Amino acid sequence: MSIVVKVYPNGNIDTVDGNSSNKVNYKRNLDPRTAVAGENGNQHIWGYRKPA
């Protein structure tokens, strides 16, 4: 699971990622149209949710 912590004017995002080998990662300036996830980096991100 990732949490979007910043959205850039061009639509790119920064995320804080968890649930991966007991680590938390900060990913910067990702293009959500082409970003991938998963242990092997082969799973496309299929959804985003804005907190209520």
N, C-alpha and C. Protein backbone atom coordinates (compact mmCIF):
# COMPACT_ATOMS: atom_id res chain seq x y z
N MET A 1 0.83 -1.17 0.00
CA MET A 1 0.00 0.00 0.00
C MET A 1 0.88 1.23 0.00
N SER A 2 0.44 2.24 -0.73
CA SER A 2 1.16 3.51 -0.80
C SER A 2 0.22 4.64 -0.44
N ILE A 3 0.80 5.68 0.13
CA ILE A 3 0.04 6.89 0.45
C ILE A 3 0.63 8.03 -0.36
N VAL A 4 -0.20 8.72 -1.12
CA VAL A 4 0.25 9.88 -1.88
C VAL A 4 0.42 11.04 -0.91
N VAL A 5 1.63 11.59 -0.87
CA VAL A 5 1.91 12.68 0.06
C VAL A 5 2.13 14.03 -0.64
N LYS A 6 2.27 13.99 -1.97
CA LYS A 6 2.44 15.24 -2.72
C LYS A 6 2.01 15.01 -4.15
N VAL A 7 1.35 16.02 -4.72
CA VAL A 7 0.98 16.00 -6.13
C VAL A 7 1.62 17.22 -6.79
N TYR A 8 2.37 17.01 -7.87
CA TYR A 8 3.05 18.08 -8.58
C TYR A 8 2.11 18.69 -9.63
N PRO A 9 2.39 19.92 -10.07
CA PRO A 9 1.54 20.56 -11.08
C PRO A 9 1.40 19.73 -12.37
N ASN A 10 2.42 18.94 -12.70
CA ASN A 10 2.35 18.12 -13.92
C ASN A 10 1.62 16.80 -13.70
N GLY A 11 1.11 16.56 -12.46
CA GLY A 11 0.37 15.33 -12.18
C GLY A 11 1.20 14.23 -11.55
N ASN A 12 2.52 14.39 -11.53
CA ASN A 12 3.36 13.39 -10.87
C ASN A 12 3.13 13.42 -9.37
N ILE A 13 3.52 12.34 -8.68
CA ILE A 13 3.24 12.21 -7.25
C ILE A 13 4.45 11.72 -6.48
N ASP A 14 4.47 12.01 -5.19
CA ASP A 14 5.40 11.40 -4.24
C ASP A 14 4.56 10.46 -3.38
N THR A 15 5.12 9.30 -3.02
CA THR A 15 4.39 8.35 -2.19
C THR A 15 5.25 7.84 -1.04
N VAL A 16 4.58 7.44 0.02
CA VAL A 16 5.21 6.70 1.11
C VAL A 16 4.63 5.30 0.99
N ASP A 17 5.51 4.31 0.83
CA ASP A 17 5.09 2.93 0.60
C ASP A 17 5.41 2.07 1.81
N GLY A 18 4.52 1.15 2.13
CA GLY A 18 4.73 0.24 3.25
C GLY A 18 4.42 -1.19 2.85
N ASN A 19 4.51 -2.10 3.83
CA ASN A 19 4.21 -3.52 3.62
C ASN A 19 5.17 -4.20 2.66
N SER A 20 6.42 -3.82 2.68
CA SER A 20 7.40 -4.45 1.81
C SER A 20 8.65 -4.77 2.63
N SER A 21 8.81 -6.02 3.01
CA SER A 21 9.97 -6.47 3.78
C SER A 21 10.17 -5.67 5.06
N ASN A 22 9.07 -5.33 5.72
CA ASN A 22 9.11 -4.56 6.97
C ASN A 22 9.83 -3.23 6.82
N LYS A 23 9.71 -2.61 5.65
CA LYS A 23 10.34 -1.33 5.38
C LYS A 23 9.31 -0.33 4.87
N VAL A 24 9.64 0.93 5.03
CA VAL A 24 8.86 2.03 4.47
C VAL A 24 9.77 2.75 3.49
N ASN A 25 9.25 3.06 2.30
CA ASN A 25 10.03 3.73 1.27
C ASN A 25 9.33 5.01 0.84
N TYR A 26 10.12 6.03 0.55
CA TYR A 26 9.61 7.28 0.02
C TYR A 26 9.99 7.34 -1.44
N LYS A 27 9.00 7.38 -2.32
CA LYS A 27 9.27 7.46 -3.76
C LYS A 27 8.89 8.84 -4.25
N ARG A 28 9.78 9.45 -5.03
CA ARG A 28 9.60 10.83 -5.45
C ARG A 28 9.34 10.95 -6.94
N ASN A 29 8.46 11.89 -7.25
CA ASN A 29 8.21 12.34 -8.62
C ASN A 29 7.85 11.20 -9.57
N LEU A 30 6.91 10.37 -9.15
CA LEU A 30 6.46 9.25 -9.98
C LEU A 30 5.40 9.72 -10.97
N ASP A 31 5.43 9.19 -12.16
CA ASP A 31 4.37 9.42 -13.13
C ASP A 31 3.31 8.36 -12.90
N PRO A 32 2.13 8.70 -12.38
CA PRO A 32 1.14 7.68 -12.05
C PRO A 32 0.61 6.91 -13.26
N ARG A 33 0.81 7.44 -14.46
CA ARG A 33 0.37 6.73 -15.67
C ARG A 33 1.26 5.54 -15.99
N THR A 34 2.51 5.58 -15.53
CA THR A 34 3.46 4.51 -15.87
C THR A 34 4.07 3.83 -14.66
N ALA A 35 3.71 4.28 -13.44
CA ALA A 35 4.30 3.73 -12.22
C ALA A 35 3.91 2.27 -12.04
N VAL A 36 4.83 1.49 -11.48
CA VAL A 36 4.58 0.09 -11.19
C VAL A 36 4.90 -0.17 -9.73
N ALA A 37 4.40 -1.29 -9.21
CA ALA A 37 4.58 -1.64 -7.81
C ALA A 37 4.85 -3.14 -7.72
N GLY A 38 4.90 -3.65 -6.49
CA GLY A 38 5.09 -5.08 -6.27
C GLY A 38 6.55 -5.40 -6.04
N GLU A 39 6.78 -6.58 -5.51
CA GLU A 39 8.14 -7.00 -5.19
C GLU A 39 9.05 -7.01 -6.40
N ASN A 40 8.51 -7.36 -7.56
CA ASN A 40 9.31 -7.42 -8.77
C ASN A 40 9.14 -6.20 -9.66
N GLY A 41 8.35 -5.23 -9.18
CA GLY A 41 8.12 -4.03 -9.97
C GLY A 41 7.36 -4.30 -11.25
N ASN A 42 6.47 -5.28 -11.21
CA ASN A 42 5.78 -5.66 -12.44
C ASN A 42 4.26 -5.53 -12.33
N GLN A 43 3.77 -4.82 -11.31
CA GLN A 43 2.33 -4.65 -11.14
C GLN A 43 1.97 -3.18 -11.32
N HIS A 44 1.14 -2.92 -12.33
CA HIS A 44 0.71 -1.54 -12.55
C HIS A 44 -0.22 -1.10 -11.43
N ILE A 45 -0.12 0.16 -11.06
CA ILE A 45 -0.99 0.73 -10.04
C ILE A 45 -2.34 0.97 -10.69
N TRP A 46 -3.39 0.46 -10.09
CA TRP A 46 -4.69 0.52 -10.74
C TRP A 46 -5.68 1.45 -10.07
N GLY A 47 -5.31 2.09 -8.98
CA GLY A 47 -6.27 3.00 -8.37
C GLY A 47 -5.63 3.90 -7.34
N TYR A 48 -6.27 5.04 -7.14
CA TYR A 48 -5.86 5.99 -6.14
C TYR A 48 -7.10 6.41 -5.37
N ARG A 49 -6.93 6.78 -4.14
CA ARG A 49 -8.07 7.17 -3.31
C ARG A 49 -7.72 8.41 -2.52
N LYS A 50 -8.57 9.39 -2.55
CA LYS A 50 -8.39 10.61 -1.76
C LYS A 50 -9.03 10.37 -0.39
N PRO A 51 -8.33 10.70 0.70
CA PRO A 51 -8.93 10.52 2.03
C PRO A 51 -10.21 11.34 2.17
N ALA A 52 -11.14 10.80 2.92
CA ALA A 52 -12.43 11.49 3.13
C ALA A 52 -12.27 12.65 4.11
